[in-house]
């Protein structure tokens, strides 16, 4: 595929960076809600209900947008999807994180359903709450790793990438 013209490339990059940062920020907000400790049952109930809303209406859409815009970026720029190991690693991180997020949303929904049925005290469903905190903290680390790969772009072209570079380099006459 031919690289995008500069204006289109910048627009696509803006969408990708925005969705990536949005995903990271929404996970941080989710972590804050999951870690909320309160003696007020209404506050705890509200946090659990908010976690479900933030998850389904903010985190999941941002993760899918990040995955799709990242794929578009890789196919429409010189970096390519299969030319550099860091791009492959970042793509795989995003795919796995998105799939795990969708699996992770099941216990979040269970917790929100339990909160919707009755006011919960801070200690109820403690094991599930701790799991959600651990999952959100791990997600932050994974998303920060993907961000670091984007910034530092560690060297290492794949065999395909090296071959493409040789093909594109003008041969001396």
N, C-alpha and C. Protein backbone atom coordinates (compact mmCIF):
# COMPACT_ATOMS: atom_id res chain seq x y z
N UNK A 1 0.85 -1.18 0.00
CA UNK A 1 0.00 0.00 0.00
C UNK A 1 0.89 1.24 0.00
N UNK A 2 0.50 2.23 -0.76
CA UNK A 2 1.26 3.48 -0.78
C UNK A 2 0.97 4.27 0.48
N UNK A 3 2.00 4.91 1.00
CA UNK A 3 1.79 5.71 2.22
C UNK A 3 0.76 6.82 1.99
N UNK A 4 0.08 7.18 3.06
CA UNK A 4 -0.91 8.25 2.99
C UNK A 4 -0.24 9.57 2.66
N UNK A 5 -0.97 10.50 2.04
CA UNK A 5 -0.46 11.86 1.91
C UNK A 5 -0.30 12.46 3.32
N UNK A 6 0.57 13.44 3.49
CA UNK A 6 0.86 13.98 4.82
C UNK A 6 -0.37 14.40 5.64
N UNK A 7 -1.32 15.08 5.03
CA UNK A 7 -2.51 15.54 5.78
C UNK A 7 -3.32 14.36 6.31
N UNK A 8 -3.53 13.36 5.48
CA UNK A 8 -4.29 12.18 5.89
C UNK A 8 -3.52 11.41 6.97
N UNK A 9 -2.20 11.31 6.79
CA UNK A 9 -1.37 10.62 7.78
C UNK A 9 -1.48 11.30 9.15
N UNK A 10 -1.45 12.63 9.17
CA UNK A 10 -1.55 13.35 10.43
C UNK A 10 -2.92 13.20 11.06
N UNK A 11 -3.96 13.19 10.25
CA UNK A 11 -5.31 12.98 10.78
C UNK A 11 -5.45 11.58 11.39
N UNK A 12 -4.95 10.60 10.66
CA UNK A 12 -5.01 9.22 11.17
C UNK A 12 -4.18 9.08 12.44
N UNK A 13 -3.01 9.70 12.47
CA UNK A 13 -2.18 9.65 13.67
C UNK A 13 -2.87 10.33 14.84
N UNK A 14 -3.51 11.46 14.58
CA UNK A 14 -4.24 12.16 15.64
C UNK A 14 -5.35 11.29 16.22
N UNK A 15 -6.09 10.61 15.36
CA UNK A 15 -7.14 9.70 15.83
C UNK A 15 -6.56 8.56 16.65
N UNK A 16 -5.43 8.02 16.19
CA UNK A 16 -4.81 6.91 16.91
C UNK A 16 -4.28 7.34 18.27
N UNK A 17 -3.57 8.46 18.30
CA UNK A 17 -3.04 8.94 19.58
C UNK A 17 -4.18 9.29 20.54
N UNK A 18 -5.21 9.93 20.03
CA UNK A 18 -6.35 10.31 20.87
C UNK A 18 -7.04 9.08 21.45
N UNK A 19 -7.26 8.08 20.63
CA UNK A 19 -7.92 6.87 21.15
C UNK A 19 -7.02 6.13 22.13
N UNK A 20 -5.73 6.12 21.88
CA UNK A 20 -4.79 5.45 22.78
C UNK A 20 -4.73 6.15 24.14
N UNK A 21 -4.62 7.46 24.11
CA UNK A 21 -4.57 8.24 25.36
C UNK A 21 -5.91 8.15 26.09
N UNK A 22 -7.00 8.18 25.32
CA UNK A 22 -8.33 8.03 25.92
C UNK A 22 -8.48 6.69 26.62
N UNK A 23 -7.99 5.63 25.99
CA UNK A 23 -8.06 4.29 26.57
C UNK A 23 -7.25 4.26 27.87
N UNK A 24 -6.07 4.81 27.83
CA UNK A 24 -5.21 4.85 29.02
C UNK A 24 -5.87 5.63 30.15
N UNK A 25 -6.41 6.80 29.85
CA UNK A 25 -7.07 7.62 30.87
C UNK A 25 -8.33 6.97 31.43
N UNK A 26 -9.09 6.33 30.56
CA UNK A 26 -10.31 5.67 31.03
C UNK A 26 -9.98 4.49 31.94
N UNK A 27 -8.91 3.77 31.64
CA UNK A 27 -8.49 2.66 32.52
C UNK A 27 -8.04 3.22 33.86
N UNK A 28 -7.37 4.37 33.86
CA UNK A 28 -6.96 5.00 35.12
C UNK A 28 -8.19 5.39 35.94
N UNK A 29 -9.22 5.93 35.27
CA UNK A 29 -10.45 6.28 35.97
C UNK A 29 -11.13 5.03 36.53
N UNK A 30 -11.13 3.96 35.75
CA UNK A 30 -11.70 2.69 36.19
C UNK A 30 -10.96 2.19 37.44
N UNK A 31 -9.64 2.27 37.41
CA UNK A 31 -8.83 1.84 38.55
C UNK A 31 -9.17 2.66 39.79
N UNK A 32 -9.37 3.96 39.62
CA UNK A 32 -9.74 4.80 40.75
C UNK A 32 -11.10 4.39 41.32
N UNK A 33 -12.05 4.07 40.45
CA UNK A 33 -13.36 3.63 40.91
C UNK A 33 -13.27 2.27 41.61
N UNK A 34 -12.49 1.36 41.04
CA UNK A 34 -12.36 0.02 41.63
C UNK A 34 -11.66 0.09 42.99
N UNK A 35 -10.73 1.01 43.14
CA UNK A 35 -9.99 1.14 44.39
C UNK A 35 -10.66 1.99 45.44
N UNK A 36 -11.82 2.56 45.10
CA UNK A 36 -12.53 3.43 46.03
C UNK A 36 -12.93 2.67 47.28
N UNK A 37 -12.57 3.20 48.41
CA UNK A 37 -12.96 2.61 49.69
C UNK A 37 -13.84 3.63 50.40
N UNK A 38 -15.03 3.18 50.77
CA UNK A 38 -15.96 4.09 51.44
C UNK A 38 -16.84 3.29 52.38
N UNK A 39 -17.27 3.95 53.43
CA UNK A 39 -18.20 3.31 54.35
C UNK A 39 -19.64 3.56 53.93
N UNK A 40 -19.82 4.38 52.92
CA UNK A 40 -21.16 4.70 52.42
C UNK A 40 -21.58 3.68 51.37
N UNK A 41 -22.63 2.90 51.65
CA UNK A 41 -23.11 1.93 50.66
C UNK A 41 -23.52 2.57 49.33
N UNK A 42 -24.07 3.79 49.40
CA UNK A 42 -24.48 4.46 48.16
C UNK A 42 -23.27 4.81 47.30
N UNK A 43 -22.18 5.22 47.93
CA UNK A 43 -20.96 5.56 47.20
C UNK A 43 -20.37 4.32 46.54
N UNK A 44 -20.32 3.22 47.28
CA UNK A 44 -19.79 1.97 46.74
C UNK A 44 -20.66 1.49 45.58
N UNK A 45 -21.96 1.54 45.77
CA UNK A 45 -22.91 1.13 44.73
C UNK A 45 -22.71 1.99 43.47
N UNK A 46 -22.60 3.30 43.67
CA UNK A 46 -22.39 4.21 42.54
C UNK A 46 -21.09 3.92 41.80
N UNK A 47 -20.03 3.60 42.55
CA UNK A 47 -18.74 3.29 41.92
C UNK A 47 -18.85 2.03 41.07
N UNK A 48 -19.50 1.00 41.58
CA UNK A 48 -19.64 -0.24 40.82
C UNK A 48 -20.47 -0.02 39.56
N UNK A 49 -21.54 0.75 39.68
CA UNK A 49 -22.37 1.04 38.52
C UNK A 49 -21.59 1.90 37.50
N UNK A 50 -20.81 2.86 37.98
CA UNK A 50 -20.01 3.70 37.10
C UNK A 50 -18.93 2.89 36.38
N UNK A 51 -18.35 1.90 37.07
CA UNK A 51 -17.33 1.05 36.44
C UNK A 51 -17.90 0.34 35.22
N UNK A 52 -19.13 -0.12 35.32
CA UNK A 52 -19.76 -0.80 34.19
C UNK A 52 -19.99 0.16 33.03
N UNK A 53 -20.46 1.36 33.34
CA UNK A 53 -20.71 2.36 32.30
C UNK A 53 -19.39 2.80 31.66
N UNK A 54 -18.41 3.12 32.46
CA UNK A 54 -17.10 3.54 31.94
C UNK A 54 -16.49 2.42 31.09
N UNK A 55 -16.63 1.19 31.55
CA UNK A 55 -16.08 0.06 30.81
C UNK A 55 -16.70 -0.09 29.43
N UNK A 56 -18.03 -0.18 29.39
CA UNK A 56 -18.71 -0.47 28.12
C UNK A 56 -18.80 0.74 27.19
N UNK A 57 -18.92 1.94 27.74
CA UNK A 57 -19.17 3.10 26.89
C UNK A 57 -17.95 3.99 26.67
N UNK A 58 -16.85 3.71 27.37
CA UNK A 58 -15.63 4.50 27.17
C UNK A 58 -14.44 3.58 26.85
N UNK A 59 -14.14 2.65 27.74
CA UNK A 59 -12.93 1.84 27.58
C UNK A 59 -13.03 0.92 26.36
N UNK A 60 -14.13 0.19 26.23
CA UNK A 60 -14.26 -0.73 25.10
C UNK A 60 -14.24 0.02 23.76
N UNK A 61 -15.01 1.11 23.60
CA UNK A 61 -14.91 1.83 22.32
C UNK A 61 -13.51 2.39 22.04
N UNK A 62 -12.84 2.91 23.06
CA UNK A 62 -11.48 3.42 22.85
C UNK A 62 -10.52 2.29 22.46
N UNK A 63 -10.68 1.12 23.06
CA UNK A 63 -9.79 0.01 22.72
C UNK A 63 -9.99 -0.42 21.27
N UNK A 64 -11.23 -0.50 20.85
CA UNK A 64 -11.52 -0.89 19.46
C UNK A 64 -11.04 0.20 18.49
N UNK A 65 -11.26 1.46 18.86
CA UNK A 65 -10.78 2.57 18.01
C UNK A 65 -9.26 2.54 17.92
N UNK A 66 -8.60 2.28 19.03
CA UNK A 66 -7.13 2.21 19.05
C UNK A 66 -6.65 1.07 18.14
N UNK A 67 -7.30 -0.07 18.23
CA UNK A 67 -6.93 -1.21 17.39
C UNK A 67 -7.11 -0.88 15.91
N UNK A 68 -8.25 -0.33 15.56
CA UNK A 68 -8.54 -0.03 14.15
C UNK A 68 -7.65 1.09 13.61
N UNK A 69 -7.50 2.17 14.38
CA UNK A 69 -6.66 3.27 13.91
C UNK A 69 -5.19 2.87 13.84
N UNK A 70 -4.77 1.99 14.75
CA UNK A 70 -3.39 1.49 14.69
C UNK A 70 -3.16 0.65 13.44
N UNK A 71 -4.15 -0.15 13.09
CA UNK A 71 -4.06 -0.96 11.88
C UNK A 71 -4.00 -0.05 10.65
N UNK A 72 -4.86 0.96 10.61
CA UNK A 72 -4.85 1.91 9.49
C UNK A 72 -3.49 2.62 9.43
N UNK A 73 -2.99 3.06 10.58
CA UNK A 73 -1.69 3.73 10.63
C UNK A 73 -0.59 2.84 10.07
N UNK A 74 -0.59 1.58 10.49
CA UNK A 74 0.48 0.69 10.04
C UNK A 74 0.41 0.43 8.54
N UNK A 75 -0.78 0.35 8.01
CA UNK A 75 -0.92 0.07 6.58
C UNK A 75 -0.75 1.30 5.71
N UNK A 76 -0.94 2.49 6.29
CA UNK A 76 -0.87 3.71 5.50
C UNK A 76 0.38 4.53 5.71
N UNK A 77 1.36 3.98 6.42
CA UNK A 77 2.61 4.70 6.63
C UNK A 77 3.79 3.81 6.24
N UNK A 78 4.94 4.39 6.21
CA UNK A 78 6.15 3.64 5.85
C UNK A 78 6.52 2.59 6.91
N UNK A 79 5.97 2.72 8.11
CA UNK A 79 6.31 1.74 9.16
C UNK A 79 5.78 0.36 8.81
N UNK A 80 4.61 0.29 8.19
CA UNK A 80 4.05 -1.01 7.81
C UNK A 80 3.66 -1.84 9.01
N UNK A 81 2.86 -2.86 8.78
CA UNK A 81 2.42 -3.73 9.87
C UNK A 81 3.44 -4.82 10.17
N UNK A 82 4.14 -5.29 9.16
CA UNK A 82 5.05 -6.43 9.35
C UNK A 82 6.51 -6.09 9.09
N UNK A 83 6.84 -4.81 9.07
CA UNK A 83 8.21 -4.41 8.73
C UNK A 83 9.12 -4.28 9.95
N UNK A 84 8.54 -3.98 11.11
CA UNK A 84 9.34 -3.76 12.32
C UNK A 84 8.76 -4.55 13.47
N UNK A 85 9.65 -5.12 14.27
CA UNK A 85 9.19 -5.93 15.40
C UNK A 85 8.37 -5.11 16.40
N UNK A 86 8.72 -3.85 16.60
CA UNK A 86 7.99 -3.05 17.59
C UNK A 86 6.55 -2.81 17.14
N UNK A 87 6.32 -2.70 15.83
CA UNK A 87 4.95 -2.50 15.33
C UNK A 87 4.15 -3.79 15.54
N UNK A 88 4.76 -4.92 15.24
CA UNK A 88 4.09 -6.21 15.46
C UNK A 88 3.78 -6.38 16.95
N UNK A 89 4.76 -6.07 17.81
CA UNK A 89 4.56 -6.21 19.25
C UNK A 89 3.42 -5.31 19.72
N UNK A 90 3.41 -4.09 19.26
CA UNK A 90 2.36 -3.16 19.67
C UNK A 90 0.99 -3.62 19.17
N UNK A 91 0.93 -4.11 17.95
CA UNK A 91 -0.33 -4.61 17.40
C UNK A 91 -0.82 -5.81 18.22
N UNK A 92 0.07 -6.74 18.52
CA UNK A 92 -0.31 -7.92 19.31
C UNK A 92 -0.75 -7.52 20.72
N UNK A 93 -0.04 -6.58 21.33
CA UNK A 93 -0.43 -6.08 22.66
C UNK A 93 -1.85 -5.53 22.60
N UNK A 94 -2.14 -4.75 21.57
CA UNK A 94 -3.46 -4.13 21.44
C UNK A 94 -4.54 -5.17 21.21
N UNK A 95 -4.28 -6.15 20.36
CA UNK A 95 -5.26 -7.21 20.12
C UNK A 95 -5.53 -7.99 21.39
N UNK A 96 -4.47 -8.44 22.06
CA UNK A 96 -4.63 -9.24 23.29
C UNK A 96 -5.32 -8.40 24.37
N UNK A 97 -4.91 -7.15 24.53
CA UNK A 97 -5.52 -6.29 25.55
C UNK A 97 -7.01 -6.08 25.27
N UNK A 98 -7.38 -5.92 24.01
CA UNK A 98 -8.79 -5.73 23.66
C UNK A 98 -9.60 -6.99 23.95
N UNK A 99 -9.07 -8.15 23.59
CA UNK A 99 -9.77 -9.41 23.87
C UNK A 99 -9.90 -9.62 25.38
N UNK A 100 -8.82 -9.41 26.12
CA UNK A 100 -8.88 -9.57 27.59
C UNK A 100 -9.84 -8.56 28.21
N UNK A 101 -9.91 -7.37 27.66
CA UNK A 101 -10.85 -6.37 28.16
C UNK A 101 -12.28 -6.87 28.01
N UNK A 102 -12.60 -7.44 26.86
CA UNK A 102 -13.96 -7.94 26.65
C UNK A 102 -14.28 -9.08 27.61
N UNK A 103 -13.30 -9.93 27.89
CA UNK A 103 -13.49 -11.00 28.89
C UNK A 103 -13.64 -10.38 30.28
N UNK A 104 -12.82 -9.39 30.58
CA UNK A 104 -12.80 -8.72 31.88
C UNK A 104 -14.13 -8.00 32.18
N UNK A 105 -14.82 -7.59 31.14
CA UNK A 105 -16.07 -6.85 31.36
C UNK A 105 -17.18 -7.74 31.91
N UNK A 106 -17.04 -9.06 31.82
CA UNK A 106 -18.06 -9.95 32.37
C UNK A 106 -18.17 -9.82 33.90
N UNK A 107 -17.05 -9.93 34.65
CA UNK A 107 -17.18 -9.73 36.10
C UNK A 107 -17.58 -8.31 36.48
N UNK A 108 -17.21 -7.34 35.66
CA UNK A 108 -17.63 -5.96 35.93
C UNK A 108 -19.15 -5.88 35.84
N UNK A 109 -19.71 -6.51 34.83
CA UNK A 109 -21.17 -6.55 34.70
C UNK A 109 -21.83 -7.27 35.86
N UNK A 110 -21.22 -8.35 36.33
CA UNK A 110 -21.74 -9.08 37.49
C UNK A 110 -21.75 -8.19 38.73
N UNK A 111 -20.67 -7.48 38.93
CA UNK A 111 -20.55 -6.57 40.07
C UNK A 111 -21.58 -5.45 39.98
N UNK A 112 -21.76 -4.89 38.79
CA UNK A 112 -22.74 -3.82 38.60
C UNK A 112 -24.16 -4.34 38.82
N UNK A 113 -24.44 -5.56 38.35
CA UNK A 113 -25.76 -6.14 38.58
C UNK A 113 -26.04 -6.35 40.06
N UNK A 114 -25.03 -6.83 40.78
CA UNK A 114 -25.18 -7.02 42.23
C UNK A 114 -25.40 -5.67 42.92
N UNK A 115 -24.69 -4.65 42.48
CA UNK A 115 -24.85 -3.32 43.06
C UNK A 115 -26.22 -2.73 42.73
N UNK A 116 -26.73 -3.01 41.54
CA UNK A 116 -28.04 -2.48 41.14
C UNK A 116 -29.17 -3.13 41.94
N UNK A 117 -28.97 -4.39 42.32
CA UNK A 117 -30.01 -5.10 43.08
C UNK A 117 -30.07 -4.68 44.54
N UNK A 118 -28.95 -4.33 45.12
CA UNK A 118 -28.94 -4.00 46.55
C UNK A 118 -27.77 -3.07 46.85
N UNK A 119 -27.93 -2.28 47.89
CA UNK A 119 -26.83 -1.43 48.34
C UNK A 119 -25.75 -2.33 48.93
N UNK A 120 -24.51 -2.11 48.52
CA UNK A 120 -23.41 -2.93 48.98
C UNK A 120 -22.52 -2.14 49.91
N UNK A 121 -22.05 -2.81 50.93
CA UNK A 121 -21.07 -2.19 51.83
C UNK A 121 -19.70 -2.35 51.18
N UNK A 122 -18.74 -1.60 51.66
CA UNK A 122 -17.40 -1.60 51.08
C UNK A 122 -16.74 -2.96 51.05
N UNK A 123 -17.05 -3.86 52.00
CA UNK A 123 -16.38 -5.15 52.08
C UNK A 123 -17.02 -6.25 51.27
N UNK A 124 -18.23 -6.04 50.77
CA UNK A 124 -18.90 -7.08 50.00
C UNK A 124 -18.22 -7.26 48.65
N UNK A 125 -18.21 -8.48 48.18
CA UNK A 125 -17.59 -8.83 46.90
C UNK A 125 -16.13 -8.39 46.85
N UNK A 126 -15.46 -8.48 47.99
CA UNK A 126 -14.08 -8.02 48.12
C UNK A 126 -13.13 -8.72 47.15
N UNK A 127 -13.27 -10.04 47.00
CA UNK A 127 -12.39 -10.79 46.11
C UNK A 127 -12.50 -10.31 44.67
N UNK A 128 -13.72 -10.08 44.22
CA UNK A 128 -13.93 -9.62 42.85
C UNK A 128 -13.37 -8.21 42.69
N UNK A 129 -13.55 -7.38 43.69
CA UNK A 129 -13.05 -6.01 43.64
C UNK A 129 -11.53 -6.00 43.54
N UNK A 130 -10.87 -6.84 44.32
CA UNK A 130 -9.41 -6.92 44.28
C UNK A 130 -8.94 -7.40 42.90
N UNK A 131 -9.67 -8.36 42.32
CA UNK A 131 -9.33 -8.84 40.98
C UNK A 131 -9.46 -7.72 39.95
N UNK A 132 -10.50 -6.90 40.07
CA UNK A 132 -10.69 -5.79 39.14
C UNK A 132 -9.57 -4.75 39.29
N UNK A 133 -9.15 -4.50 40.51
CA UNK A 133 -8.04 -3.57 40.75
C UNK A 133 -6.76 -4.11 40.11
N UNK A 134 -6.49 -5.40 40.32
CA UNK A 134 -5.28 -6.01 39.74
C UNK A 134 -5.33 -5.98 38.22
N UNK A 135 -6.50 -6.30 37.66
CA UNK A 135 -6.63 -6.29 36.20
C UNK A 135 -6.43 -4.89 35.63
N UNK A 136 -7.02 -3.89 36.27
CA UNK A 136 -6.89 -2.51 35.77
C UNK A 136 -5.45 -2.03 35.90
N UNK A 137 -4.78 -2.38 37.00
CA UNK A 137 -3.38 -1.98 37.17
C UNK A 137 -2.50 -2.66 36.11
N UNK A 138 -2.76 -3.94 35.84
CA UNK A 138 -2.00 -4.64 34.80
C UNK A 138 -2.27 -4.01 33.43
N UNK A 139 -3.52 -3.63 33.18
CA UNK A 139 -3.87 -2.99 31.91
C UNK A 139 -3.10 -1.68 31.74
N UNK A 140 -2.96 -0.92 32.83
CA UNK A 140 -2.19 0.33 32.75
C UNK A 140 -0.74 0.07 32.35
N UNK A 141 -0.16 -0.96 32.95
CA UNK A 141 1.23 -1.30 32.63
C UNK A 141 1.35 -1.70 31.16
N UNK A 142 0.42 -2.50 30.68
CA UNK A 142 0.44 -2.95 29.29
C UNK A 142 0.28 -1.77 28.34
N UNK A 143 -0.67 -0.88 28.64
CA UNK A 143 -0.90 0.28 27.77
C UNK A 143 0.29 1.24 27.80
N UNK A 144 0.93 1.40 28.93
CA UNK A 144 2.14 2.23 29.01
C UNK A 144 3.28 1.60 28.21
N UNK A 145 3.35 0.27 28.21
CA UNK A 145 4.36 -0.43 27.41
C UNK A 145 4.14 -0.16 25.93
N UNK A 146 2.89 -0.24 25.50
CA UNK A 146 2.57 0.06 24.09
C UNK A 146 2.93 1.50 23.75
N UNK A 147 2.65 2.41 24.67
CA UNK A 147 2.99 3.82 24.43
C UNK A 147 4.51 3.99 24.33
N UNK A 148 5.25 3.31 25.19
CA UNK A 148 6.71 3.41 25.15
C UNK A 148 7.26 2.86 23.82
N UNK A 149 6.68 1.78 23.34
CA UNK A 149 7.11 1.25 22.04
C UNK A 149 6.90 2.29 20.94
N UNK A 150 5.79 3.02 21.01
CA UNK A 150 5.50 4.04 20.00
C UNK A 150 6.50 5.20 20.06
N UNK A 151 6.92 5.54 21.26
CA UNK A 151 7.82 6.68 21.42
C UNK A 151 9.26 6.29 21.07
N UNK A 152 9.72 5.15 21.59
CA UNK A 152 11.13 4.78 21.43
C UNK A 152 11.41 4.02 20.14
N UNK A 153 10.42 3.36 19.57
CA UNK A 153 10.57 2.63 18.31
C UNK A 153 11.89 1.85 18.27
N UNK A 154 12.01 0.83 19.10
CA UNK A 154 13.28 0.10 19.13
C UNK A 154 13.62 -0.47 17.75
N UNK A 155 14.89 -0.46 17.45
CA UNK A 155 15.34 -0.95 16.14
C UNK A 155 15.05 -2.43 16.02
N UNK A 156 15.02 -2.87 14.82
CA UNK A 156 14.81 -4.28 14.55
C UNK A 156 13.78 -4.48 13.46
N UNK A 157 14.24 -4.47 12.24
CA UNK A 157 13.35 -4.74 11.12
C UNK A 157 13.20 -6.25 10.96
N UNK A 158 12.04 -6.66 10.55
CA UNK A 158 11.80 -8.07 10.27
C UNK A 158 12.48 -8.42 8.95
N UNK A 159 12.54 -9.71 8.61
CA UNK A 159 13.11 -10.10 7.31
C UNK A 159 12.34 -9.42 6.18
N UNK A 160 11.04 -9.42 6.30
CA UNK A 160 10.20 -8.77 5.30
C UNK A 160 10.53 -7.27 5.22
N UNK A 161 10.70 -6.63 6.37
CA UNK A 161 11.02 -5.21 6.41
C UNK A 161 12.37 -4.90 5.79
N UNK A 162 13.37 -5.75 6.05
CA UNK A 162 14.70 -5.54 5.45
C UNK A 162 14.64 -5.72 3.93
N UNK A 163 13.87 -6.70 3.48
CA UNK A 163 13.73 -6.92 2.04
C UNK A 163 13.04 -5.73 1.38
N UNK A 164 12.00 -5.21 2.01
CA UNK A 164 11.30 -4.03 1.47
C UNK A 164 12.22 -2.81 1.42
N UNK A 165 13.07 -2.66 2.46
CA UNK A 165 14.02 -1.54 2.46
C UNK A 165 15.00 -1.67 1.30
N UNK A 166 15.49 -2.87 1.06
CA UNK A 166 16.42 -3.09 -0.06
C UNK A 166 15.73 -2.81 -1.39
N UNK A 167 14.48 -3.21 -1.53
CA UNK A 167 13.74 -2.98 -2.77
C UNK A 167 13.52 -1.50 -3.03
N UNK A 168 13.34 -0.73 -1.96
CA UNK A 168 13.04 0.69 -2.11
C UNK A 168 14.28 1.57 -2.22
N UNK A 169 15.44 1.03 -1.86
CA UNK A 169 16.68 1.80 -1.95
C UNK A 169 17.15 1.79 -3.40
N UNK A 170 17.39 2.98 -3.95
CA UNK A 170 17.85 3.02 -5.36
C UNK A 170 19.20 2.31 -5.50
N UNK A 171 19.31 1.50 -6.51
CA UNK A 171 20.56 0.77 -6.77
C UNK A 171 21.56 1.68 -7.49
N UNK A 172 22.85 1.69 -7.09
CA UNK A 172 23.86 2.52 -7.77
C UNK A 172 24.08 1.99 -9.19
N UNK A 173 24.35 2.91 -10.10
CA UNK A 173 24.57 2.52 -11.50
C UNK A 173 26.02 2.46 -11.83
